[in-house]
Amino acid sequence: MGRRSERLSRHGMLAGDLGGDGDVIQVVSRAFDVLRCFEGHEARLGNLEISNRCGLPRSTVSRLTHTLTRMGQLVYLPRDQKYRIGPSAVAMSTAMMKGLQLRNLIRLRLQDVAEQLPGTVGFVIPDRYHLVYLEYARAANALGLHETTGSRIAMATTAAGHAYTASLAPEVGDALLAEMEREMPEGAKLLRPRIENNRRLLKEQGYVTACGLWSPHINGVAVPLWSPQYQTFVVVTIGLLSAMFDEKRLHREVAPRMIELAVAVGSLLEGAEGDFLNRGVERKPLPMRANNNNKMIKTEETDELEARTRRARPARSIRAGDGRR
């Protein structure tokens, strides 16, 4: 990785960082904006729809879709006069997904929580002003949110987004907000008044709550943690019906469970560089918190992976090598 790429990875790839590198960088950035419009392999969009979604002039979109079609990233459907994700993009994503046993292990951890709480539990990664579900789980009787792998959620209106922005070093978070104010002013207007309180709550409690932002019927809890693989903060989050879980119940019953989940997922992320991903790992119960002394206790069945990896610290104590919290 070159020095320029390494700097972007360590300090966050905000569009403002790209300003001095000329039109080529801007074209690449816009091409990815076009590809982001296609949520799922079955999505079919015309140039006008793409233009409306990513805020680019239709003439610019037309040139980009033409180039992306020649590269195999998109395919053109003459009958519909629309585009869809092409074979090269599918092949690229498939190659990137190959061998990610880590995600399967994380999914099992999410499912452990989903079987106890009637909501949608997710593991999300940031993508500009949104977050994308890498994994999710929910119980059969879950109500409310019904996200799936690949779903995108807005940073400004979700507990996950508020937790992510609160975890960033203040200068990085403020730069992200400044960009959001230019490109998504309504989102920034909602997020900015809350960011300082979110930072304080994350530092004091290790998690962030958001009640009724995305929907008046949904409340959420989220815990950010540093991912060595992605070199960014990722988030474990849960959305629940507000009629069943008011804010007091979130703090009392849900937040401790999500912190335990973050510890378990953090252990997986911290150990993912080792050779254990080539080993079979049996699903074991999560560590449970004893009610009488508030200490973490283990069940008889100790997860082999957790025994081999260093326990993750809560998000509030994580410090990245680049200075981000």
C-alpha atoms as a PDB file:
ATOM      1  CA  MET A   1       0.000   0.000   0.000  1.00  0.00           C
ATOM      2  CA  GLY A   2       1.416   3.381  -0.954  1.00  0.00           C
ATOM      3  CA  ARG A   3       1.917   6.202   1.487  1.00  0.00           C
ATOM      4  CA  ARG A   4      -1.065   8.132   0.143  1.00  0.00           C
ATOM      5  CA  SER A   5      -3.377   5.126   0.428  1.00  0.00           C
ATOM      6  CA  GLU A   6      -2.057   4.323   3.892  1.00  0.00           C
ATOM      7  CA  ARG A   7      -2.751   7.875   5.070  1.00  0.00           C
ATOM      8  CA  LEU A   8      -6.307   7.735   3.769  1.00  0.00           C
ATOM      9  CA  SER A   9      -6.860   4.402   5.494  1.00  0.00           C
ATOM     10  CA  ARG A  10      -5.574   5.641   8.815  1.00  0.00           C
ATOM     11  CA  HIS A  11      -7.290   9.017   8.880  1.00  0.00           C
ATOM     12  CA  GLY A  12     -10.602   8.326   7.187  1.00  0.00           C
ATOM     13  CA  MET A  13     -11.466   8.668   3.517  1.00  0.00           C
ATOM     14  CA  LEU A  14     -13.450  11.868   3.549  1.00  0.00           C
ATOM     15  CA  ALA A  15     -14.089  13.453   0.196  1.00  0.00           C
ATOM     16  CA  GLY A  16     -12.306  16.583   1.348  1.00  0.00           C
ATOM     17  CA  ASP A  17      -9.093  14.601   1.519  1.00  0.00           C
ATOM     18  CA  LEU A  18      -9.280  14.027  -2.223  1.00  0.00           C
ATOM     19  CA  GLY A  19      -9.508  17.649  -3.282  1.00  0.00           C
ATOM     20  CA  GLY A  20      -5.945  18.117  -4.450  1.00  0.00           C
ATOM     21  CA  ASP A  21      -5.608  15.024  -6.562  1.00  0.00           C
ATOM     22  CA  GLY A  22      -7.392  16.212  -9.675  1.00  0.00           C
ATOM     23  CA  ASP A  23     -10.225  15.041 -11.843  1.00  0.00           C
ATOM     24  CA  VAL A  24      -9.191  11.377 -11.968  1.00  0.00           C
ATOM     25  CA  ILE A  25      -9.884  10.908  -8.259  1.00  0.00           C
ATOM     26  CA  GLN A  26     -13.220  12.681  -8.630  1.00  0.00           C
ATOM     27  CA  VAL A  27     -14.234  10.398 -11.487  1.00  0.00           C
ATOM     28  CA  VAL A  28     -13.380   7.309  -9.436  1.00  0.00           C
ATOM     29  CA  SER A  29     -15.336   8.663  -6.483  1.00  0.00           C
ATOM     30  CA  ARG A  30     -18.355   9.366  -8.666  1.00  0.00           C
ATOM     31  CA  ALA A  31     -18.174   5.929 -10.249  1.00  0.00           C
ATOM     32  CA  PHE A  32     -18.463   4.374  -6.802  1.00  0.00           C
ATOM     33  CA  ASP A  33     -21.366   6.704  -6.054  1.00  0.00           C
ATOM     34  CA  VAL A  34     -23.130   5.246  -9.090  1.00  0.00           C
ATOM     35  CA  LEU A  35     -22.454   1.661  -8.009  1.00  0.00           C
ATOM     36  CA  ARG A  36     -23.737   2.407  -4.507  1.00  0.00           C
ATOM     37  CA  CYS A  37     -27.141   3.182  -6.007  1.00  0.00           C
ATOM     38  CA  PHE A  38     -27.640  -0.500  -6.814  1.00  0.00           C
ATOM     39  CA  GLU A  39     -28.828  -2.142  -3.601  1.00  0.00           C
ATOM     40  CA  GLY A  40     -28.812  -5.830  -4.445  1.00  0.00           C
ATOM     41  CA  HIS A  41     -28.046  -7.713  -7.627  1.00  0.00           C
ATOM     42  CA  GLU A  42     -31.654  -7.403  -8.852  1.00  0.00           C
ATOM     43  CA  ALA A  43     -31.859  -3.609  -8.725  1.00  0.00           C
ATOM     44  CA  ARG A  44     -32.584  -2.041 -12.136  1.00  0.00           C
ATOM     45  CA  LEU A  45     -32.027   1.671 -12.593  1.00  0.00           C
ATOM     46  CA  GLY A  46     -31.999   4.133 -15.471  1.00  0.00           C
ATOM     47  CA  ASN A  47     -29.703   7.121 -15.785  1.00  0.00           C
ATOM     48  CA  LEU A  48     -32.369   9.504 -14.468  1.00  0.00           C
ATOM     49  CA  GLU A  49     -32.994   7.352 -11.406  1.00  0.00           C
ATOM     50  CA  ILE A  50     -29.256   7.089 -10.742  1.00  0.00           C
ATOM     51  CA  SER A  51     -28.902  10.842 -11.193  1.00  0.00           C
ATOM     52  CA  ASN A  52     -31.646  11.469  -8.633  1.00  0.00           C
ATOM     53  CA  ARG A  53     -30.171   9.006  -6.155  1.00  0.00           C
ATOM     54  CA  CYS A  54     -26.570  10.181  -6.195  1.00  0.00           C
ATOM     55  CA  GLY A  55     -27.127  13.860  -7.013  1.00  0.00           C
ATOM     56  CA  LEU A  56     -24.982  13.917 -10.158  1.00  0.00           C
ATOM     57  CA  PRO A  57     -25.934  15.560 -13.479  1.00  0.00           C
ATOM     58  CA  ARG A  58     -27.597  13.144 -15.872  1.00  0.00           C
ATOM     59  CA  SER A  59     -24.912  13.747 -18.514  1.00  0.00           C
ATOM     60  CA  THR A  60     -22.214  12.764 -15.997  1.00  0.00           C
ATOM     61  CA  VAL A  61     -24.165   9.669 -14.999  1.00  0.00           C
ATOM     62  CA  SER A  62     -24.557   8.702 -18.662  1.00  0.00           C
ATOM     63  CA  ARG A  63     -20.788   8.803 -19.214  1.00  0.00           C
ATOM     64  CA  LEU A  64     -20.120   6.857 -16.044  1.00  0.00           C
ATOM     65  CA  THR A  65     -22.671   4.119 -16.744  1.00  0.00           C
ATOM     66  CA  HIS A  66     -21.292   3.754 -20.268  1.00  0.00           C
ATOM     67  CA  THR A  67     -17.761   3.275 -18.907  1.00  0.00           C
ATOM     68  CA  LEU A  68     -18.891   0.968 -16.109  1.00  0.00           C
ATOM     69  CA  THR A  69     -20.797  -1.134 -18.644  1.00  0.00           C
ATOM     70  CA  ARG A  70     -17.674  -1.497 -20.810  1.00  0.00           C
ATOM     71  CA  MET A  71     -15.804  -2.618 -17.682  1.00  0.00           C
ATOM     72  CA  GLY A  72     -18.447  -5.217 -16.820  1.00  0.00           C
ATOM     73  CA  GLN A  73     -19.390  -3.500 -13.576  1.00  0.00           C
ATOM     74  CA  LEU A  74     -22.863  -2.819 -15.008  1.00  0.00           C
ATOM     75  CA  VAL A  75     -24.944  -4.429 -17.736  1.00  0.00           C
ATOM     76  CA  TYR A  76     -27.449  -2.591 -19.919  1.00  0.00           C
ATOM     77  CA  LEU A  77     -30.951  -4.018 -20.378  1.00  0.00           C
ATOM     78  CA  PRO A  78     -32.224  -2.722 -23.759  1.00  0.00           C
ATOM     79  CA  ARG A  79     -35.855  -3.722 -23.185  1.00  0.00           C
ATOM     80  CA  ASP A  80     -36.046  -1.813 -19.894  1.00  0.00           C
ATOM     81  CA  GLN A  81     -33.526   0.870 -20.873  1.00  0.00           C
ATOM     82  CA  LYS A  82     -32.009   0.367 -17.448  1.00  0.00           C
ATOM     83  CA  TYR A  83     -28.822  -0.949 -15.862  1.00  0.00           C
ATOM     84  CA  ARG A  84     -28.132  -3.585 -13.263  1.00  0.00           C
ATOM     85  CA  ILE A  85     -24.997  -4.836 -11.461  1.00  0.00           C
ATOM     86  CA  GLY A  86     -22.704  -6.600 -13.940  1.00  0.00           C
ATOM     87  CA  PRO A  87     -20.685  -9.813 -13.798  1.00  0.00           C
ATOM     88  CA  SER A  88     -17.410  -8.130 -12.909  1.00  0.00           C
ATOM     89  CA  ALA A  89     -18.948  -6.456  -9.867  1.00  0.00           C
ATOM     90  CA  VAL A  90     -20.543  -9.734  -8.783  1.00  0.00           C
ATOM     91  CA  ALA A  91     -17.273 -11.609  -9.258  1.00  0.00           C
ATOM     92  CA  MET A  92     -15.379  -8.967  -7.321  1.00  0.00           C
ATOM     93  CA  SER A  93     -17.797  -9.068  -4.401  1.00  0.00           C
ATOM     94  CA  THR A  94     -17.799 -12.871  -4.395  1.00  0.00           C
ATOM     95  CA  ALA A  95     -13.998 -12.965  -4.310  1.00  0.00           C
ATOM     96  CA  MET A  96     -13.981 -10.514  -1.421  1.00  0.00           C
ATOM     97  CA  MET A  97     -16.488 -12.592   0.512  1.00  0.00           C
ATOM     98  CA  LYS A  98     -14.660 -15.883  -0.010  1.00  0.00           C
ATOM     99  CA  GLY A  99     -13.208 -17.370   3.125  1.00  0.00           C
ATOM    100  CA  LEU A 100     -14.706 -14.876   5.560  1.00  0.00           C
ATOM    101  CA  GLN A 101     -15.356 -17.418   8.293  1.00  0.00           C
ATOM    102  CA  LEU A 102     -15.122 -14.513  10.702  1.00  0.00           C
ATOM    103  CA  ARG A 103     -18.511 -13.251   9.592  1.00  0.00           C
ATOM    104  CA  ASN A 104     -20.095 -16.621  10.233  1.00  0.00           C
ATOM    105  CA  LEU A 105     -18.741 -16.581  13.768  1.00  0.00           C
ATOM    106  CA  ILE A 106     -20.051 -13.059  14.293  1.00  0.00           C
ATOM    107  CA  ARG A 107     -23.468 -14.082  12.982  1.00  0.00           C
ATOM    108  CA  LEU A 108     -23.666 -16.808  15.610  1.00  0.00           C
ATOM    109  CA  ARG A 109     -22.929 -14.262  18.314  1.00  0.00           C
ATOM    110  CA  LEU A 110     -25.650 -11.960  17.001  1.00  0.00           C
ATOM    111  CA  GLN A 111     -28.099 -14.840  16.971  1.00  0.00           C
ATOM    112  CA  ASP A 112     -27.359 -15.595  20.636  1.00  0.00           C
ATOM    113  CA  VAL A 113     -28.609 -12.095  21.512  1.00  0.00           C
ATOM    114  CA  ALA A 114     -31.507 -12.200  19.046  1.00  0.00           C
ATOM    115  CA  GLU A 115     -32.850 -15.310  20.745  1.00  0.00           C
ATOM    116  CA  GLN A 116     -33.151 -13.342  23.985  1.00  0.00           C
ATOM    117  CA  LEU A 117     -34.303  -9.929  22.773  1.00  0.00           C
ATOM    118  CA  PRO A 118     -37.204  -9.486  20.289  1.00  0.00           C
ATOM    119  CA  GLY A 119     -35.460  -7.145  17.896  1.00  0.00           C
ATOM    120  CA  THR A 120     -33.043  -7.001  14.983  1.00  0.00           C
ATOM    121  CA  VAL A 121     -29.375  -7.338  15.958  1.00  0.00           C
ATOM    122  CA  GLY A 122     -26.800  -6.132  13.450  1.00  0.00           C
ATOM    123  CA  PHE A 123     -23.098  -5.819  12.744  1.00  0.00           C
ATOM    124  CA  VAL A 124     -22.575  -2.770  10.537  1.00  0.00           C
ATOM    125  CA  ILE A 125     -19.706  -0.985   8.805  1.00  0.00           C
ATOM    126  CA  PRO A 126     -19.626   2.692   7.721  1.00  0.00           C
ATOM    127  CA  ASP A 127     -20.029   3.785   4.110  1.00  0.00           C
ATOM    128  CA  ARG A 128     -19.845   7.566   3.811  1.00  0.00           C
ATOM    129  CA  TYR A 129     -23.010   8.893   5.510  1.00  0.00           C
ATOM    130  CA  HIS A 130     -24.591   5.473   5.914  1.00  0.00           C
ATOM    131  CA  LEU A 131     -23.822   2.148   7.508  1.00  0.00           C
ATOM    132  CA  VAL A 132     -24.186  -1.233   5.824  1.00  0.00           C
ATOM    133  CA  TYR A 133     -25.282  -4.448   7.517  1.00  0.00           C
ATOM    134  CA  LEU A 134     -22.523  -7.037   7.141  1.00  0.00           C
ATOM    135  CA  GLU A 135     -24.447  -9.474   9.310  1.00  0.00           C
ATOM    136  CA  TYR A 136     -27.742  -9.484  11.153  1.00  0.00           C
ATOM    137  CA  ALA A 137     -29.909 -11.789  13.232  1.00  0.00           C
ATOM    138  CA  ARG A 138     -33.390 -11.768  14.707  1.00  0.00           C
ATOM    139  CA  ALA A 139     -35.636 -14.178  16.517  1.00  0.00           C
ATOM    140  CA  ALA A 140     -38.612 -15.748  14.774  1.00  0.00           C
ATOM    141  CA  ASN A 141     -40.970 -13.589  16.817  1.00  0.00           C
ATOM    142  CA  ALA A 142     -39.039 -10.356  16.288  1.00  0.00           C
ATOM    143  CA  LEU A 143     -41.102  -7.260  15.568  1.00  0.00           C
ATOM    144  CA  GLY A 144     -40.184  -3.865  14.143  1.00  0.00           C
ATOM    145  CA  LEU A 145     -37.002  -3.584  12.096  1.00  0.00           C
ATOM    146  CA  HIS A 146     -36.456  -6.137   9.346  1.00  0.00           C
ATOM    147  CA  GLU A 147     -33.046  -5.354   7.900  1.00  0.00           C
ATOM    148  CA  THR A 148     -31.004  -7.838   5.887  1.00  0.00           C
ATOM    149  CA  THR A 149     -27.359  -8.279   4.941  1.00  0.00           C
ATOM    150  CA  GLY A 150     -26.422  -5.411   2.614  1.00  0.00           C
ATOM    151  CA  SER A 151     -29.140  -3.052   3.873  1.00  0.00           C
ATOM    152  CA  ARG A 152     -28.043   0.555   4.262  1.00  0.00           C
ATOM    153  CA  ILE A 153     -29.093   2.741   7.185  1.00  0.00           C
ATOM    154  CA  ALA A 154     -28.508   6.448   7.694  1.00  0.00           C
ATOM    155  CA  MET A 155     -25.965   7.600  10.254  1.00  0.00           C
ATOM    156  CA  ALA A 156     -28.058  10.560  11.319  1.00  0.00           C
ATOM    157  CA  THR A 157     -31.199   8.652  12.274  1.00  0.00           C
ATOM    158  CA  THR A 158     -29.909   5.450  13.875  1.00  0.00           C
ATOM    159  CA  ALA A 159     -28.277   4.406  17.119  1.00  0.00           C
ATOM    160  CA  ALA A 160     -25.526   2.742  15.075  1.00  0.00           C
ATOM    161  CA  GLY A 161     -24.761   5.982  13.257  1.00  0.00           C
ATOM    162  CA  HIS A 162     -24.715   8.006  16.444  1.00  0.00           C
ATOM    163  CA  ALA A 163     -22.416   5.465  18.095  1.00  0.00           C
ATOM    164  CA  TYR A 164     -20.056   5.463  15.111  1.00  0.00           C
ATOM    165  CA  THR A 165     -19.749   9.253  14.886  1.00  0.00           C
ATOM    166  CA  ALA A 166     -19.293   9.495  18.662  1.00  0.00           C
ATOM    167  CA  SER A 167     -16.422   6.981  18.528  1.00  0.00           C
ATOM    168  CA  LEU A 168     -14.386   9.062  16.076  1.00  0.00           C
ATOM    169  CA  ALA A 169     -11.773  11.485  17.319  1.00  0.00           C
ATOM    170  CA  PRO A 170     -13.466  14.899  17.596  1.00  0.00           C
ATOM    171  CA  GLU A 171     -11.583  16.404  14.644  1.00  0.00           C
ATOM    172  CA  VAL A 172     -12.513  13.458  12.407  1.00  0.00           C
ATOM    173  CA  GLY A 173     -16.139  13.452  13.542  1.00  0.00           C
ATOM    174  CA  ASP A 174     -16.408  17.212  13.049  1.00  0.00           C
ATOM    175  CA  ALA A 175     -14.974  16.925   9.532  1.00  0.00           C
ATOM    176  CA  LEU A 176     -17.512  14.222   8.721  1.00  0.00           C
ATOM    177  CA  LEU A 177     -20.315  16.434  10.015  1.00  0.00           C
ATOM    178  CA  ALA A 178     -19.061  19.379   7.946  1.00  0.00           C
ATOM    179  CA  GLU A 179     -19.200  17.223   4.825  1.00  0.00           C
ATOM    180  CA  MET A 180     -22.624  15.957   5.747  1.00  0.00           C
ATOM    181  CA  GLU A 181     -23.848  19.540   6.125  1.00  0.00           C
ATOM    182  CA  ARG A 182     -22.895  20.175   2.493  1.00  0.00           C
ATOM    183  CA  GLU A 183     -24.305  16.965   1.023  1.00  0.00           C
ATOM    184  CA  MET A 184     -26.993  15.819   3.497  1.00  0.00           C
ATOM    185  CA  PRO A 185     -27.979  18.955   5.451  1.00  0.00           C
ATOM    186  CA  GLU A 186     -31.087  17.426   7.015  1.00  0.00           C
ATOM    187  CA  GLY A 187     -29.063  14.553   8.426  1.00  0.00           C
ATOM    188  CA  ALA A 188     -26.386  16.874   9.778  1.00  0.00           C
ATOM    189  CA  LYS A 189     -29.064  19.066  11.353  1.00  0.00           C
ATOM    190  CA  LEU A 190     -30.330  16.071  13.288  1.00  0.00           C
ATOM    191  CA  LEU A 191     -26.922  14.699  14.270  1.00  0.00           C
ATOM    192  CA  ARG A 192     -24.928  17.813  15.201  1.00  0.00           C
ATOM    193  CA  PRO A 193     -26.900  18.820  18.350  1.00  0.00           C
ATOM    194  CA  ARG A 194     -26.537  15.290  19.706  1.00  0.00           C
ATOM    195  CA  ILE A 195     -22.913  14.479  18.982  1.00  0.00           C
ATOM    196  CA  GLU A 196     -21.370  15.989  22.129  1.00  0.00           C
ATOM    197  CA  ASN A 197     -23.841  14.205  24.380  1.00  0.00           C
ATOM    198  CA  ASN A 198     -23.263  10.980  22.434  1.00  0.00           C
ATOM    199  CA  ARG A 199     -19.512  11.335  22.969  1.00  0.00           C
ATOM    200  CA  ARG A 200     -20.061  11.854  26.686  1.00  0.00           C
ATOM    201  CA  LEU A 201     -22.403   8.864  26.997  1.00  0.00           C
ATOM    202  CA  LEU A 202     -20.036   6.639  25.041  1.00  0.00           C
ATOM    203  CA  LYS A 203     -17.152   7.619  27.298  1.00  0.00           C
ATOM    204  CA  GLU A 204     -19.156   7.102  30.487  1.00  0.00           C
ATOM    205  CA  GLN A 205     -21.290   4.085  29.555  1.00  0.00           C
ATOM    206  CA  GLY A 206     -19.642   2.422  26.562  1.00  0.00           C
ATOM    207  CA  TYR A 207     -22.756   2.626  24.382  1.00  0.00           C
ATOM    208  CA  VAL A 208     -25.192   5.052  22.730  1.00  0.00           C
ATOM    209  CA  THR A 209     -28.993   5.009  22.570  1.00  0.00           C
ATOM    210  CA  ALA A 210     -31.317   6.582  20.019  1.00  0.00           C
ATOM    211  CA  CYS A 211     -35.068   6.705  20.585  1.00  0.00           C
ATOM    212  CA  GLY A 212     -37.575   7.454  17.860  1.00  0.00           C
ATOM    213  CA  LEU A 213     -35.138   9.020  15.382  1.00  0.00           C
ATOM    214  CA  TRP A 214     -35.571   6.610  12.481  1.00  0.00           C
ATOM    215  CA  SER A 215     -39.165   5.834  13.437  1.00  0.00           C
ATOM    216  CA  PRO A 216     -41.258   6.831  16.467  1.00  0.00           C
ATOM    217  CA  HIS A 217     -41.864   3.116  16.962  1.00  0.00           C
ATOM    218  CA  ILE A 218     -38.196   2.047  17.100  1.00  0.00           C
ATOM    219  CA  ASN A 219     -35.592   2.519  19.828  1.00  0.00           C
ATOM    220  CA  GLY A 220     -32.007   1.381  19.530  1.00  0.00           C
ATOM    221  CA  VAL A 221     -28.764   0.674  21.373  1.00  0.00           C
ATOM    222  CA  ALA A 222     -25.352   0.535  19.687  1.00  0.00           C
ATOM    223  CA  VAL A 223     -21.760  -0.147  20.714  1.00  0.00           C
ATOM    224  CA  PRO A 224     -18.805   0.790  18.454  1.00  0.00           C
ATOM    225  CA  LEU A 225     -15.533  -1.127  18.379  1.00  0.00           C
ATOM    226  CA  TRP A 226     -12.319  -0.873  16.408  1.00  0.00           C
ATOM    227  CA  SER A 227     -11.783  -3.384  13.591  1.00  0.00           C
ATOM    228  CA  PRO A 228      -8.149  -4.139  12.687  1.00  0.00           C
ATOM    229  CA  GLN A 229      -9.344  -5.793   9.443  1.00  0.00           C
ATOM    230  CA  TYR A 230     -11.294  -2.787   8.149  1.00  0.00           C
ATOM    231  CA  GLN A 231      -9.183  -0.118   9.914  1.00  0.00           C
ATOM    232  CA  THR A 232     -12.304   1.680  11.047  1.00  0.00           C
ATOM    233  CA  PHE A 233     -14.911   1.511  13.754  1.00  0.00           C
ATOM    234  CA  VAL A 234     -17.662  -1.014  13.244  1.00  0.00           C
ATOM    235  CA  VAL A 235     -20.823  -1.195  15.327  1.00  0.00           C
ATOM    236  CA  VAL A 236     -23.017  -3.827  16.935  1.00  0.00           C
ATOM    237  CA  THR A 237     -26.559  -2.526  17.236  1.00  0.00           C
ATOM    238  CA  ILE A 238     -30.110  -3.560  18.012  1.00  0.00           C
ATOM    239  CA  GLY A 239     -33.486  -2.061  17.126  1.00  0.00           C
ATOM    240  CA  LEU A 240     -36.545  -2.809  19.258  1.00  0.00           C
ATOM    241  CA  LEU A 241     -40.163  -1.694  19.431  1.00  0.00           C
ATOM    242  CA  SER A 242     -40.418   1.432  21.587  1.00  0.00           C
ATOM    243  CA  ALA A 243     -43.756   0.196  22.970  1.00  0.00           C
ATOM    244  CA  MET A 244     -41.906  -2.728  24.538  1.00  0.00           C
ATOM    245  CA  PHE A 245     -38.540  -1.106  25.331  1.00  0.00           C
ATOM    246  CA  ASP A 246     -38.590   2.485  26.510  1.00  0.00           C
ATOM    247  CA  GLU A 247     -35.328   4.320  27.202  1.00  0.00           C
ATOM    248  CA  LYS A 248     -35.132   3.156  30.820  1.00  0.00           C
ATOM    249  CA  ARG A 249     -35.523  -0.458  29.779  1.00  0.00           C
ATOM    250  CA  LEU A 250     -32.857   0.012  27.081  1.00  0.00           C
ATOM    251  CA  HIS A 251     -30.348   1.082  29.720  1.00  0.00           C
ATOM    252  CA  ARG A 252     -31.399  -1.528  32.260  1.00  0.00           C
ATOM    253  CA  GLU A 253     -31.878  -4.656  30.143  1.00  0.00           C
ATOM    254  CA  VAL A 254     -30.572  -4.167  26.617  1.00  0.00           C
ATOM    255  CA  ALA A 255     -27.358  -2.166  26.995  1.00  0.00           C
ATOM    256  CA  PRO A 256     -25.569  -4.729  29.247  1.00  0.00           C
ATOM    257  CA  ARG A 257     -26.356  -7.458  26.734  1.00  0.00           C
ATOM    258  CA  MET A 258     -25.032  -5.381  23.837  1.00  0.00           C
ATOM    259  CA  ILE A 259     -21.809  -4.595  25.702  1.00  0.00           C
ATOM    260  CA  GLU A 260     -21.314  -8.318  26.244  1.00  0.00           C
ATOM    261  CA  LEU A 261     -21.930  -8.854  22.532  1.00  0.00           C
ATOM    262  CA  ALA A 262     -19.355  -6.170  21.690  1.00  0.00           C
ATOM    263  CA  VAL A 263     -16.805  -7.914  23.934  1.00  0.00           C
ATOM    264  CA  ALA A 264     -17.417 -11.204  22.130  1.00  0.00           C
ATOM    265  CA  VAL A 265     -17.296  -9.674  18.646  1.00  0.00           C
ATOM    266  CA  GLY A 266     -14.245  -7.628  19.605  1.00  0.00           C
ATOM    267  CA  SER A 267     -12.448 -10.811  20.621  1.00  0.00           C
ATOM    268  CA  LEU A 268     -13.190 -12.275  17.203  1.00  0.00           C
ATOM    269  CA  LEU A 269     -11.959  -9.163  15.404  1.00  0.00           C
ATOM    270  CA  GLU A 270      -8.777  -8.884  17.437  1.00  0.00           C
ATOM    271  CA  GLY A 271      -7.938 -12.520  16.862  1.00  0.00           C
ATOM    272  CA  ALA A 272      -8.852 -12.612  13.185  1.00  0.00           C
ATOM    273  CA  GLU A 273      -5.245 -12.124  12.098  1.00  0.00           C
ATOM    274  CA  GLY A 274      -4.278 -15.487  13.590  1.00  0.00           C
ATOM    275  CA  ASP A 275      -4.579 -18.932  12.133  1.00  0.00           C
ATOM    276  CA  PHE A 276      -7.715 -19.895  14.044  1.00  0.00           C
ATOM    277  CA  LEU A 277      -9.951 -18.992  11.085  1.00  0.00           C
ATOM    278  CA  ASN A 278      -8.810 -22.218   9.485  1.00  0.00           C
ATOM    279  CA  ARG A 279     -10.027 -24.215  12.473  1.00  0.00           C
ATOM    280  CA  GLY A 280     -13.538 -25.397  13.195  1.00  0.00           C
ATOM    281  CA  VAL A 281     -15.058 -23.331  15.992  1.00  0.00           C
ATOM    282  CA  GLU A 282     -18.043 -24.720  17.821  1.00  0.00           C
ATOM    283  CA  ARG A 283     -20.869 -22.378  18.776  1.00  0.00           C
ATOM    284  CA  LYS A 284     -20.860 -21.746  22.519  1.00  0.00           C
ATOM    285  CA  PRO A 285     -22.996 -19.532  24.772  1.00  0.00           C
ATOM    286  CA  LEU A 286     -21.908 -15.948  25.311  1.00  0.00           C
ATOM    287  CA  PRO A 287     -20.416 -15.085  28.693  1.00  0.00           C
ATOM    288  CA  MET A 288     -23.230 -14.067  31.041  1.00  0.00           C
ATOM    289  CA  ARG A 289     -23.204 -11.268  33.584  1.00  0.00           C
ATOM    290  CA  ALA A 290     -23.993 -12.307  37.148  1.00  0.00           C
ATOM    291  CA  ASN A 291     -26.710 -10.172  38.719  1.00  0.00           C
ATOM    292  CA  ASN A 292     -25.261 -10.190  42.223  1.00  0.00           C
ATOM    293  CA  ASN A 293     -21.740  -8.942  41.630  1.00  0.00           C
ATOM    294  CA  ASN A 294     -21.889  -7.588  38.074  1.00  0.00           C
ATOM    295  CA  LYS A 295     -18.883  -9.719  37.067  1.00  0.00           C
ATOM    296  CA  MET A 296     -18.467 -11.609  33.851  1.00  0.00           C
ATOM    297  CA  ILE A 297     -18.738 -15.356  34.357  1.00  0.00           C
ATOM    298  CA  LYS A 298     -18.182 -18.220  31.946  1.00  0.00           C
ATOM    299  CA  THR A 299     -20.393 -21.178  31.366  1.00  0.00           C
ATOM    300  CA  GLU A 300     -18.848 -24.639  31.501  1.00  0.00           C
ATOM    301  CA  GLU A 301     -18.446 -24.594  27.756  1.00  0.00           C
ATOM    302  CA  THR A 302     -15.703 -22.098  27.099  1.00  0.00           C
ATOM    303  CA  ASP A 303     -15.426 -20.995  23.515  1.00  0.00           C
ATOM    304  CA  GLU A 304     -12.114 -22.213  22.091  1.00  0.00           C
ATOM    305  CA  LEU A 305     -11.820 -19.011  20.116  1.00  0.00           C
ATOM    306  CA  GLU A 306     -12.246 -16.805  23.163  1.00  0.00           C
ATOM    307  CA  ALA A 307      -9.652 -18.890  24.984  1.00  0.00           C
ATOM    308  CA  ARG A 308      -7.186 -18.265  22.147  1.00  0.00           C
ATOM    309  CA  THR A 309      -7.795 -14.571  21.690  1.00  0.00           C
ATOM    310  CA  ARG A 310      -7.306 -11.504  23.794  1.00  0.00           C
ATOM    311  CA  ARG A 311     -10.485 -10.135  25.326  1.00  0.00           C
ATOM    312  CA  ALA A 312     -11.687  -6.991  23.602  1.00  0.00           C
ATOM    313  CA  ARG A 313     -12.016  -3.886  25.685  1.00  0.00           C
ATOM    314  CA  PRO A 314     -15.271  -1.917  25.726  1.00  0.00           C
ATOM    315  CA  ALA A 315     -15.473   0.672  22.976  1.00  0.00           C
ATOM    316  CA  ARG A 316     -14.921   3.563  25.343  1.00  0.00           C
ATOM    317  CA  SER A 317     -11.367   2.370  26.073  1.00  0.00           C
ATOM    318  CA  ILE A 318     -10.353   1.474  22.539  1.00  0.00           C
ATOM    319  CA  ARG A 319      -7.724   3.687  20.957  1.00  0.00           C
ATOM    320  CA  ALA A 320      -6.690   3.292  17.354  1.00  0.00           C
ATOM    321  CA  GLY A 321      -3.135   3.735  16.245  1.00  0.00           C
ATOM    322  CA  ASP A 322      -4.102   6.868  14.305  1.00  0.00           C
ATOM    323  CA  GLY A 323      -5.545   8.603  17.360  1.00  0.00           C
ATOM    324  CA  ARG A 324      -9.185   7.769  16.752  1.00  0.00           C
ATOM    325  CA  ARG A 325     -11.006   6.526  19.840  1.00  0.00           C
END
